[in-house]
All heavy atoms as atom14 arrays in JSON, in Angstrom:
{
  "sequence": "PYKVYKADEDAEYEKTYEIDLSSIKPTVAFPHLPENT",
  "atom14_mask": [
    [1, 1, 1, 1, 1, 1, 1, 0, 0, 0, 0, 0, 0, 0],
    [1, 1, 1, 1, 1, 1, 1, 1, 1, 1, 1, 1, 0, 0],
    [1, 1, 1, 1, 1, 1, 1, 1, 1, 0, 0, 0, 0, 0],
    [1, 1, 1, 1, 1, 1, 1, 0, 0, 0, 0, 0, 0, 0],
    [1, 1, 1, 1, 1, 1, 1, 1, 1, 1, 1, 1, 0, 0],
    [1, 1, 1, 1, 1, 1, 1, 1, 1, 0, 0, 0, 0, 0],
    [1, 1, 1, 1, 1, 0, 0, 0, 0, 0, 0, 0, 0, 0],
    [1, 1, 1, 1, 1, 1, 1, 1, 0, 0, 0, 0, 0, 0],
    [1, 1, 1, 1, 1, 1, 1, 1, 1, 0, 0, 0, 0, 0],
    [1, 1, 1, 1, 1, 1, 1, 1, 0, 0, 0, 0, 0, 0],
    [1, 1, 1, 1, 1, 0, 0, 0, 0, 0, 0, 0, 0, 0],
    [1, 1, 1, 1, 1, 1, 1, 1, 1, 0, 0, 0, 0, 0],
    [1, 1, 1, 1, 1, 1, 1, 1, 1, 1, 1, 1, 0, 0],
    [1, 1, 1, 1, 1, 1, 1, 1, 1, 0, 0, 0, 0, 0],
    [1, 1, 1, 1, 1, 1, 1, 1, 1, 0, 0, 0, 0, 0],
    [1, 1, 1, 1, 1, 1, 1, 0, 0, 0, 0, 0, 0, 0],
    [1, 1, 1, 1, 1, 1, 1, 1, 1, 1, 1, 1, 0, 0],
    [1, 1, 1, 1, 1, 1, 1, 1, 1, 0, 0, 0, 0, 0],
    [1, 1, 1, 1, 1, 1, 1, 1, 0, 0, 0, 0, 0, 0],
    [1, 1, 1, 1, 1, 1, 1, 1, 0, 0, 0, 0, 0, 0],
    [1, 1, 1, 1, 1, 1, 1, 1, 0, 0, 0, 0, 0, 0],
    [1, 1, 1, 1, 1, 1, 0, 0, 0, 0, 0, 0, 0, 0],
    [1, 1, 1, 1, 1, 1, 0, 0, 0, 0, 0, 0, 0, 0],
    [1, 1, 1, 1, 1, 1, 1, 1, 0, 0, 0, 0, 0, 0],
    [1, 1, 1, 1, 1, 1, 1, 1, 1, 0, 0, 0, 0, 0],
    [1, 1, 1, 1, 1, 1, 1, 0, 0, 0, 0, 0, 0, 0],
    [1, 1, 1, 1, 1, 1, 1, 0, 0, 0, 0, 0, 0, 0],
    [1, 1, 1, 1, 1, 1, 1, 0, 0, 0, 0, 0, 0, 0],
    [1, 1, 1, 1, 1, 0, 0, 0, 0, 0, 0, 0, 0, 0],
    [1, 1, 1, 1, 1, 1, 1, 1, 1, 1, 1, 0, 0, 0],
    [1, 1, 1, 1, 1, 1, 1, 0, 0, 0, 0, 0, 0, 0],
    [1, 1, 1, 1, 1, 1, 1, 1, 1, 1, 0, 0, 0, 0],
    [1, 1, 1, 1, 1, 1, 1, 1, 0, 0, 0, 0, 0, 0],
    [1, 1, 1, 1, 1, 1, 1, 0, 0, 0, 0, 0, 0, 0],
    [1, 1, 1, 1, 1, 1, 1, 1, 1, 0, 0, 0, 0, 0],
    [1, 1, 1, 1, 1, 1, 1, 1, 0, 0, 0, 0, 0, 0],
    [1, 1, 1, 1, 1, 1, 1, 0, 0, 0, 0, 0, 0, 0]
  ],
  "atom14_positions": [
    [[-139.52, 28.09, 42.85], [-140.13, 26.76, 43.06], [-141.25, 26.87, 44.09], [-141.2, 27.71, 44.99], [-138.97, 25.91, 43.6], [-137.97, 26.88, 44.13], [-138.12, 28.14, 43.34], [0.0, 0.0, 0.0], [0.0, 0.0, 0.0], [0.0, 0.0, 0.0], [0.0, 0.0, 0.0], [0.0, 0.0, 0.0], [0.0, 0.0, 0.0], [0.0, 0.0, 0.0]],
    [[-142.26, 26.04, 43.94], [-143.37, 26.09, 44.88], [-143.83, 24.67, 45.22], [-143.45, 23.69, 44.55], [-144.55, 26.89, 44.3], [-145.13, 26.33, 43.02], [-146.11, 25.33, 43.05], [-144.7, 26.78, 41.77], [-146.63, 24.81, 41.88], [-145.22, 26.27, 40.6], [-146.19, 25.29, 40.65], [-146.71, 24.77, 39.49], [0.0, 0.0, 0.0], [0.0, 0.0, 0.0]],
    [[-144.63, 24.56, 46.25], [-145.16, 23.27, 46.67], [-146.63, 23.44, 47.03], [-146.99, 24.35, 47.77], [-144.38, 22.71, 47.85], [-144.83, 21.3, 48.26], [-143.92, 20.71, 49.33], [-144.38, 19.31, 49.73], [-143.5, 18.72, 50.78], [0.0, 0.0, 0.0], [0.0, 0.0, 0.0], [0.0, 0.0, 0.0], [0.0, 0.0, 0.0], [0.0, 0.0, 0.0]],
    [[-147.46, 22.57, 46.47], [-148.9, 22.62, 46.73], [-149.23, 21.69, 47.9], [-148.86, 20.51, 47.89], [-149.69, 22.22, 45.47], [-151.19, 22.17, 45.78], [-149.41, 23.18, 44.33], [0.0, 0.0, 0.0], [0.0, 0.0, 0.0], [0.0, 0.0, 0.0], [0.0, 0.0, 0.0], [0.0, 0.0, 0.0], [0.0, 0.0, 0.0], [0.0, 0.0, 0.0]],
    [[-149.9, 22.23, 48.88], [-150.33, 21.45, 50.05], [-151.85, 21.32, 50.03], [-152.56, 22.31, 49.86], [-149.92, 22.14, 51.35], [-148.43, 22.17, 51.58], [-147.64, 23.17, 51.01], [-147.79, 21.21, 52.35], [-146.27, 23.22, 51.21], [-146.42, 21.24, 52.57], [-145.67, 22.25, 51.99], [-144.3, 22.28, 52.2], [0.0, 0.0, 0.0], [0.0, 0.0, 0.0]],
    [[-152.34, 20.09, 50.2], [-153.78, 19.85, 50.28], [-154.12, 19.34, 51.67], [-153.38, 18.54, 52.24], [-154.22, 18.82, 49.24], [-154.45, 19.41, 47.86], [-155.19, 18.41, 46.97], [-155.55, 19.0, 45.62], [-156.46, 20.13, 45.7], [0.0, 0.0, 0.0], [0.0, 0.0, 0.0], [0.0, 0.0, 0.0], [0.0, 0.0, 0.0], [0.0, 0.0, 0.0]],
    [[-155.23, 19.77, 52.21], [-155.66, 19.3, 53.52], [-155.98, 17.8, 53.45], [-156.49, 17.31, 52.44], [-156.89, 20.07, 53.97], [0.0, 0.0, 0.0], [0.0, 0.0, 0.0], [0.0, 0.0, 0.0], [0.0, 0.0, 0.0], [0.0, 0.0, 0.0], [0.0, 0.0, 0.0], [0.0, 0.0, 0.0], [0.0, 0.0, 0.0], [0.0, 0.0, 0.0]],
    [[-155.66, 17.09, 54.51], [-156.02, 15.68, 54.6], [-157.54, 15.54, 54.73], [-158.21, 16.43, 55.27], [-155.35, 15.02, 55.82], [-153.84, 14.9, 55.65], [-153.39, 14.68, 54.5], [-153.12, 15.04, 56.66], [0.0, 0.0, 0.0], [0.0, 0.0, 0.0], [0.0, 0.0, 0.0], [0.0, 0.0, 0.0], [0.0, 0.0, 0.0], [0.0, 0.0, 0.0]],
    [[-158.06, 14.41, 54.25], [-159.49, 14.15, 54.36], [-159.96, 14.18, 55.82], [-161.08, 14.6, 56.11], [-159.83, 12.78, 53.73], [-159.69, 12.74, 52.22], [-160.75, 13.58, 51.51], [-161.87, 13.67, 52.03], [-160.43, 14.15, 50.44], [0.0, 0.0, 0.0], [0.0, 0.0, 0.0], [0.0, 0.0, 0.0], [0.0, 0.0, 0.0], [0.0, 0.0, 0.0]],
    [[-159.08, 13.71, 56.72], [-159.48, 13.64, 58.14], [-158.91, 14.81, 58.95], [-158.78, 14.72, 60.18], [-159.05, 12.31, 58.76], [-157.54, 12.09, 58.69], [-156.86, 12.8, 57.92], [-157.04, 11.2, 59.42], [0.0, 0.0, 0.0], [0.0, 0.0, 0.0], [0.0, 0.0, 0.0], [0.0, 0.0, 0.0], [0.0, 0.0, 0.0], [0.0, 0.0, 0.0]],
    [[-158.58, 15.91, 58.26], [-158.11, 17.1, 58.99], [-159.2, 17.58, 59.94], [-160.4, 17.46, 59.65], [-157.75, 18.21, 58.0], [0.0, 0.0, 0.0], [0.0, 0.0, 0.0], [0.0, 0.0, 0.0], [0.0, 0.0, 0.0], [0.0, 0.0, 0.0], [0.0, 0.0, 0.0], [0.0, 0.0, 0.0], [0.0, 0.0, 0.0], [0.0, 0.0, 0.0]],
    [[-158.76, 18.14, 61.05], [-159.71, 18.56, 62.08], [-159.98, 20.05, 61.98], [-159.06, 20.86, 61.93], [-159.13, 18.22, 63.47], [-160.13, 18.37, 64.59], [-159.58, 17.91, 65.93], [-158.61, 17.12, 65.95], [-160.12, 18.35, 66.96], [0.0, 0.0, 0.0], [0.0, 0.0, 0.0], [0.0, 0.0, 0.0], [0.0, 0.0, 0.0], [0.0, 0.0, 0.0]],
    [[-161.26, 20.42, 61.94], [-161.67, 21.82, 61.89], [-162.56, 22.12, 63.09], [-163.41, 21.31, 63.45], [-162.44, 22.11, 60.6], [-161.62, 21.86, 59.35], [-161.72, 20.64, 58.68], [-160.75, 22.82, 58.87], [-160.96, 20.38, 57.55], [-159.98, 22.58, 57.73], [-160.08, 21.36, 57.09], [-159.32, 21.11, 55.97], [0.0, 0.0, 0.0], [0.0, 0.0, 0.0]],
    [[-162.35, 23.29, 63.66], [-163.21, 23.67, 64.79], [-164.65, 23.82, 64.33], [-165.58, 23.44, 65.02], [-162.71, 24.98, 65.41], [-163.42, 25.29, 66.71], [-163.33, 26.76, 67.09], [-163.56, 27.64, 66.24], [-163.03, 27.01, 68.24], [0.0, 0.0, 0.0], [0.0, 0.0, 0.0], [0.0, 0.0, 0.0], [0.0, 0.0, 0.0], [0.0, 0.0, 0.0]],
    [[-164.82, 24.4, 63.12], [-166.15, 24.56, 62.54], [-166.02, 24.45, 61.02], [-164.95, 24.72, 60.46], [-166.74, 25.94, 62.87], [-167.13, 26.15, 64.31], [-167.65, 27.57, 64.51], [-167.9, 27.86, 65.99], [-168.14, 29.29, 66.22], [0.0, 0.0, 0.0], [0.0, 0.0, 0.0], [0.0, 0.0, 0.0], [0.0, 0.0, 0.0], [0.0, 0.0, 0.0]],
    [[-167.12, 24.11, 60.38], [-167.2, 24.15, 58.93], [-168.44, 24.96, 58.55], [-169.53, 24.7, 59.06], [-167.29, 22.75, 58.31], [-166.06, 22.05, 58.56], [-167.51, 22.82, 56.8], [0.0, 0.0, 0.0], [0.0, 0.0, 0.0], [0.0, 0.0, 0.0], [0.0, 0.0, 0.0], [0.0, 0.0, 0.0], [0.0, 0.0, 0.0], [0.0, 0.0, 0.0]],
    [[-168.25, 25.95, 57.69], [-169.37, 26.76, 57.2], [-169.56, 26.48, 55.71], [-168.59, 26.46, 54.94], [-169.09, 28.25, 57.38], [-169.06, 28.72, 58.81], [-167.85, 28.85, 59.49], [-170.23, 29.08, 59.48], [-167.8, 29.3, 60.8], [-170.2, 29.53, 60.79], [-168.98, 29.64, 61.44], [-168.95, 30.09, 62.74], [0.0, 0.0, 0.0], [0.0, 0.0, 0.0]],
    [[-170.8, 26.27, 55.3], [-171.13, 26.14, 53.88], [-171.62, 27.51, 53.4], [-172.56, 28.08, 53.97], [-172.24, 25.09, 53.69], [-171.87, 23.71, 54.21], [-171.33, 22.8, 53.13], [-171.49, 23.14, 51.93], [-170.73, 21.77, 53.48], [0.0, 0.0, 0.0], [0.0, 0.0, 0.0], [0.0, 0.0, 0.0], [0.0, 0.0, 0.0], [0.0, 0.0, 0.0]],
    [[-170.98, 28.04, 52.39], [-171.33, 29.37, 51.87], [-171.86, 29.23, 50.45], [-171.15, 28.78, 49.55], [-170.09, 30.31, 51.87], [-169.4, 30.34, 53.25], [-170.49, 31.7, 51.39], [-170.16, 31.03, 54.33], [0.0, 0.0, 0.0], [0.0, 0.0, 0.0], [0.0, 0.0, 0.0], [0.0, 0.0, 0.0], [0.0, 0.0, 0.0], [0.0, 0.0, 0.0]],
    [[-173.12, 29.62, 50.25], [-173.72, 29.6, 48.92], [-173.46, 30.96, 48.26], [-174.1, 31.96, 48.59], [-175.22, 29.33, 49.03], [-175.92, 29.37, 47.67], [-175.22, 29.45, 46.63], [-177.17, 29.33, 47.65], [0.0, 0.0, 0.0], [0.0, 0.0, 0.0], [0.0, 0.0, 0.0], [0.0, 0.0, 0.0], [0.0, 0.0, 0.0], [0.0, 0.0, 0.0]],
    [[-172.5, 30.99, 47.35], [-172.11, 32.26, 46.72], [-173.26, 32.91, 45.97], [-173.34, 34.14, 45.88], [-170.92, 32.03, 45.79], [-169.63, 31.51, 46.44], [-168.56, 31.24, 45.38], [-169.09, 32.5, 47.47], [0.0, 0.0, 0.0], [0.0, 0.0, 0.0], [0.0, 0.0, 0.0], [0.0, 0.0, 0.0], [0.0, 0.0, 0.0], [0.0, 0.0, 0.0]],
    [[-174.16, 32.1, 45.42], [-175.26, 32.65, 44.61], [-176.27, 33.42, 45.46], [-177.05, 34.22, 44.94], [-175.97, 31.53, 43.85], [-176.64, 30.67, 44.75], [0.0, 0.0, 0.0], [0.0, 0.0, 0.0], [0.0, 0.0, 0.0], [0.0, 0.0, 0.0], [0.0, 0.0, 0.0], [0.0, 0.0, 0.0], [0.0, 0.0, 0.0], [0.0, 0.0, 0.0]],
    [[-176.24, 33.19, 46.78], [-177.21, 33.86, 47.65], [-176.69, 35.18, 48.22], [-177.43, 35.92, 48.85], [-177.57, 32.93, 48.82], [-176.47, 32.8, 49.72], [0.0, 0.0, 0.0], [0.0, 0.0, 0.0], [0.0, 0.0, 0.0], [0.0, 0.0, 0.0], [0.0, 0.0, 0.0], [0.0, 0.0, 0.0], [0.0, 0.0, 0.0], [0.0, 0.0, 0.0]],
    [[-175.4, 35.48, 47.98], [-174.8, 36.68, 48.56], [-175.15, 37.91, 47.72], [-175.05, 37.9, 46.49], [-173.27, 36.51, 48.7], [-172.96, 35.39, 49.71], [-172.61, 37.82, 49.14], [-171.5, 35.04, 49.82], [0.0, 0.0, 0.0], [0.0, 0.0, 0.0], [0.0, 0.0, 0.0], [0.0, 0.0, 0.0], [0.0, 0.0, 0.0], [0.0, 0.0, 0.0]],
    [[-175.54, 38.97, 48.4], [-175.85, 40.25, 47.74], [-174.7, 41.22, 47.97], [-173.91, 41.02, 48.89], [-177.14, 40.84, 48.33], [-178.37, 39.99, 48.16], [-179.56, 40.63, 48.87], [-180.82, 39.78, 48.74], [-181.96, 40.37, 49.47], [0.0, 0.0, 0.0], [0.0, 0.0, 0.0], [0.0, 0.0, 0.0], [0.0, 0.0, 0.0], [0.0, 0.0, 0.0]],
    [[-174.6, 42.28, 47.14], [-173.61, 43.32, 47.45], [-173.78, 43.76, 48.91], [-174.9, 43.98, 49.37], [-173.98, 44.44, 46.48], [-174.57, 43.72, 45.31], [-175.33, 42.57, 45.9], [0.0, 0.0, 0.0], [0.0, 0.0, 0.0], [0.0, 0.0, 0.0], [0.0, 0.0, 0.0], [0.0, 0.0, 0.0], [0.0, 0.0, 0.0], [0.0, 0.0, 0.0]],
    [[-172.66, 43.83, 49.63], [-172.68, 44.01, 51.08], [-171.84, 45.21, 51.5], [-170.78, 45.45, 50.93], [-172.16, 42.72, 51.76], [-173.0, 41.62, 51.36], [-172.19, 42.83, 53.28], [0.0, 0.0, 0.0], [0.0, 0.0, 0.0], [0.0, 0.0, 0.0], [0.0, 0.0, 0.0], [0.0, 0.0, 0.0], [0.0, 0.0, 0.0], [0.0, 0.0, 0.0]],
    [[-172.31, 45.95, 52.48], [-171.63, 47.14, 52.99], [-171.42, 46.98, 54.49], [-172.34, 46.56, 55.21], [-172.46, 48.41, 52.72], [-171.75, 49.65, 53.28], [-172.73, 48.58, 51.23], [0.0, 0.0, 0.0], [0.0, 0.0, 0.0], [0.0, 0.0, 0.0], [0.0, 0.0, 0.0], [0.0, 0.0, 0.0], [0.0, 0.0, 0.0], [0.0, 0.0, 0.0]],
    [[-170.21, 47.29, 54.97], [-169.95, 47.29, 56.41], [-170.09, 48.72, 56.92], [-169.35, 49.61, 56.52], [-168.55, 46.75, 56.71], [0.0, 0.0, 0.0], [0.0, 0.0, 0.0], [0.0, 0.0, 0.0], [0.0, 0.0, 0.0], [0.0, 0.0, 0.0], [0.0, 0.0, 0.0], [0.0, 0.0, 0.0], [0.0, 0.0, 0.0], [0.0, 0.0, 0.0]],
    [[-171.05, 48.93, 57.8], [-171.29, 50.24, 58.4], [-170.28, 50.5, 59.52], [-169.68, 49.57, 60.06], [-172.72, 50.3, 58.95], [-173.76, 50.69, 57.93], [-173.82, 50.06, 56.7], [-174.69, 51.69, 58.19], [-174.77, 50.41, 55.75], [-175.64, 52.06, 57.26], [-175.68, 51.41, 56.04], [0.0, 0.0, 0.0], [0.0, 0.0, 0.0], [0.0, 0.0, 0.0]],
    [[-170.11, 51.78, 59.88], [-169.22, 52.1, 61.0], [-169.72, 51.4, 62.28], [-170.91, 51.19, 62.44], [-169.34, 53.62, 61.13], [-169.91, 54.08, 59.82], [-170.75, 52.96, 59.32], [0.0, 0.0, 0.0], [0.0, 0.0, 0.0], [0.0, 0.0, 0.0], [0.0, 0.0, 0.0], [0.0, 0.0, 0.0], [0.0, 0.0, 0.0], [0.0, 0.0, 0.0]],
    [[-168.79, 51.07, 63.17], [-167.35, 51.28, 63.09], [-166.61, 49.95, 63.17], [-165.5, 49.87, 63.69], [-166.88, 52.2, 64.22], [-167.3, 53.63, 64.07], [-166.67, 54.49, 63.2], [-168.27, 54.36, 64.64], [-167.25, 55.69, 63.27], [-168.21, 55.63, 64.14], [0.0, 0.0, 0.0], [0.0, 0.0, 0.0], [0.0, 0.0, 0.0], [0.0, 0.0, 0.0]],
    [[-167.23, 48.89, 62.6], [-166.6, 47.57, 62.58], [-166.93, 46.86, 61.28], [-168.05, 46.96, 60.78], [-167.09, 46.71, 63.75], [-166.52, 46.99, 65.15], [-167.23, 46.12, 66.17], [-165.01, 46.74, 65.2], [0.0, 0.0, 0.0], [0.0, 0.0, 0.0], [0.0, 0.0, 0.0], [0.0, 0.0, 0.0], [0.0, 0.0, 0.0], [0.0, 0.0, 0.0]],
    [[-165.97, 46.08, 60.75], [-166.25, 45.33, 59.52], [-167.37, 44.3, 59.66], [-167.92, 43.84, 58.66], [-164.9, 44.64, 59.23], [-163.88, 45.52, 59.87], [-164.54, 46.02, 61.13], [0.0, 0.0, 0.0], [0.0, 0.0, 0.0], [0.0, 0.0, 0.0], [0.0, 0.0, 0.0], [0.0, 0.0, 0.0], [0.0, 0.0, 0.0], [0.0, 0.0, 0.0]],
    [[-167.73, 43.92, 60.91], [-168.81, 42.95, 61.11], [-170.19, 43.6, 61.02], [-171.21, 42.89, 60.96], [-168.67, 42.27, 62.48], [-168.98, 43.18, 63.66], [-168.83, 42.51, 65.02], [-168.23, 41.41, 65.09], [-169.28, 43.09, 66.02], [0.0, 0.0, 0.0], [0.0, 0.0, 0.0], [0.0, 0.0, 0.0], [0.0, 0.0, 0.0], [0.0, 0.0, 0.0]],
    [[-170.25, 44.92, 60.99], [-171.53, 45.63, 61.03], [-172.11, 45.72, 59.61], [-172.25, 46.81, 59.03], [-171.31, 47.01, 61.64], [-172.6, 47.72, 61.97], [-173.66, 47.12, 62.0], [-172.51, 49.02, 62.21], [0.0, 0.0, 0.0], [0.0, 0.0, 0.0], [0.0, 0.0, 0.0], [0.0, 0.0, 0.0], [0.0, 0.0, 0.0], [0.0, 0.0, 0.0]],
    [[-172.45, 44.57, 59.06], [-172.78, 44.5, 57.64], [-174.28, 44.58, 57.36], [-175.11, 44.14, 58.16], [-172.24, 43.19, 57.02], [-172.73, 42.08, 57.77], [-170.72, 43.18, 57.01], [0.0, 0.0, 0.0], [0.0, 0.0, 0.0], [0.0, 0.0, 0.0], [0.0, 0.0, 0.0], [0.0, 0.0, 0.0], [0.0, 0.0, 0.0], [0.0, 0.0, 0.0]]
  ]
}
């Protein structure tokens, strides 16, 4: 059995980021951190 939870409309977020998937290119993380993209 499972239960689906949806966020409330007035849920509080520290930040919201809008990500346009169509603008993303193949990406590589260089050494030595995953943020070094």
